[in-house]
Amino acid sequence: MSGAAGVPLWAALPAAFLLVCGGLLTVLGSLGLLRLKDFYARIHAPTMGGTLGTGCVLIASMLVSSAVAGRPVIHELLITLFIMLTSPVTAMLLMRAAMYRSRD
């Protein structure tokens, strides 16, 4: 009951589900960037899609790495923390700059 790369089935199935969810969230964020009308609406969709999509991919990576190594691997938690903190903050700064620029 192991995958092709020696990943146990109990880790491969949730990781595959998380990867698919992460990809779908990222695609939805990209489509929101294309479909929404103004800057303020456009900035929201890719930020949320990118943050949540990246989070799903990194959690899947952490699950597979831990299963292969046979011990908890938490390096990806730092990457997840940095991405989930910096992406919304960057979006807020871009929105504030746009508001400041349109005020003048």
Protein backbone atom coordinates (compact mmCIF):
# COMPACT_ATOMS: atom_id res chain seq x y z
CA MET A 1 0.00 0.00 0.00
CA SER A 2 2.55 2.57 -0.97
CA GLY A 3 2.83 4.90 -3.93
CA ALA A 4 5.46 4.86 -6.62
CA ALA A 5 7.91 6.96 -4.61
CA GLY A 6 7.50 5.01 -1.38
CA VAL A 7 4.87 7.40 0.00
CA PRO A 8 2.30 5.58 2.14
CA LEU A 9 -1.28 5.68 0.93
CA TRP A 10 -2.44 7.41 4.12
CA ALA A 11 -0.19 10.36 3.23
CA ALA A 12 -0.55 10.26 -0.56
CA LEU A 13 -4.34 10.62 -0.67
CA PRO A 14 -4.64 13.71 1.57
CA ALA A 15 -1.61 15.23 -0.15
CA ALA A 16 -3.18 14.71 -3.58
CA PHE A 17 -6.43 16.26 -2.34
CA LEU A 18 -4.56 19.25 -0.91
CA LEU A 19 -2.61 19.71 -4.14
CA VAL A 20 -5.78 19.69 -6.21
CA CYS A 21 -7.46 22.15 -3.82
CA GLY A 22 -4.39 24.39 -3.86
CA GLY A 23 -4.31 24.40 -7.64
CA LEU A 24 -8.03 25.17 -7.89
CA LEU A 25 -7.76 28.02 -5.38
CA THR A 26 -4.86 29.52 -7.28
CA VAL A 27 -6.69 29.24 -10.62
CA LEU A 28 -9.79 30.85 -9.10
CA GLY A 29 -7.67 33.72 -7.82
CA SER A 30 -6.16 34.17 -11.26
CA LEU A 31 -9.58 34.15 -12.89
CA GLY A 32 -10.72 36.77 -10.38
CA LEU A 33 -7.82 38.93 -11.46
CA LEU A 34 -9.02 38.72 -15.06
CA ARG A 35 -12.76 39.05 -14.45
CA LEU A 36 -13.15 41.72 -11.79
CA LYS A 37 -13.64 45.33 -12.86
CA ASP A 38 -11.60 47.73 -10.73
CA PHE A 39 -8.25 47.60 -8.95
CA TYR A 40 -9.68 47.19 -5.46
CA ALA A 41 -11.72 44.14 -6.44
CA ARG A 42 -8.87 42.72 -8.54
CA ILE A 43 -6.33 42.83 -5.73
CA HIS A 44 -8.49 40.74 -3.39
CA ALA A 45 -8.97 37.57 -5.46
CA PRO A 46 -5.30 36.78 -6.27
CA THR A 47 -4.24 37.55 -2.72
CA MET A 48 -6.75 35.15 -1.20
CA GLY A 49 -6.28 32.51 -3.90
CA GLY A 50 -2.50 32.70 -3.76
CA THR A 51 -2.34 32.60 0.02
CA LEU A 52 -4.75 29.71 0.45
CA GLY A 53 -3.41 27.82 -2.58
CA THR A 54 0.17 28.12 -1.37
CA GLY A 55 -0.91 27.03 2.10
CA CYS A 56 -2.52 23.86 0.72
CA VAL A 57 0.54 23.00 -1.37
CA LEU A 58 2.92 23.53 1.55
CA ILE A 59 0.79 21.45 3.92
CA ALA A 60 0.77 18.65 1.33
CA SER A 61 4.54 18.93 1.06
CA MET A 62 4.90 18.78 4.83
CA LEU A 63 2.68 15.69 5.00
CA VAL A 64 4.58 13.80 2.28
CA SER A 65 8.01 14.83 3.63
CA SER A 66 7.05 13.67 7.11
CA ALA A 67 5.77 10.34 5.80
CA VAL A 68 8.91 9.69 3.74
CA ALA A 69 11.34 10.77 6.48
CA GLY A 70 9.47 8.90 9.21
CA ARG A 71 9.61 11.91 11.50
CA PRO A 72 7.82 15.26 11.65
CA VAL A 73 9.25 17.68 9.08
CA ILE A 74 8.17 21.22 9.85
CA HIS A 75 10.42 23.33 7.62
CA GLU A 76 7.42 24.17 5.46
CA LEU A 77 5.69 25.80 8.43
CA LEU A 78 8.11 28.71 8.20
CA ILE A 79 7.42 29.14 4.49
CA THR A 80 3.68 28.95 5.15
CA LEU A 81 3.96 31.51 7.93
CA PHE A 82 5.92 33.96 5.79
CA ILE A 83 3.60 33.63 2.78
CA MET A 84 0.43 33.88 4.82
CA LEU A 85 1.74 36.98 6.57
CA THR A 86 3.34 38.82 3.68
CA SER A 87 0.75 38.32 0.94
CA PRO A 88 -2.17 40.05 2.71
CA VAL A 89 0.12 42.78 4.05
CA THR A 90 1.41 43.45 0.54
CA ALA A 91 -2.15 43.65 -0.77
CA MET A 92 -3.08 46.11 1.98
CA LEU A 93 -0.09 48.29 1.17
CA LEU A 94 -0.96 48.27 -2.54
CA MET A 95 -4.55 49.25 -1.75
CA ARG A 96 -3.44 52.07 0.54
CA ALA A 97 -1.07 53.36 -2.12
CA ALA A 98 -3.87 53.27 -4.70
CA MET A 99 -6.21 55.12 -2.34
CA TYR A 100 -3.56 57.73 -1.60
CA ARG A 101 -2.81 58.19 -5.28
CA SER A 102 -6.47 58.53 -6.30
CA ARG A 103 -7.09 61.08 -3.52
CA ASP A 104 -4.76 63.66 -5.09
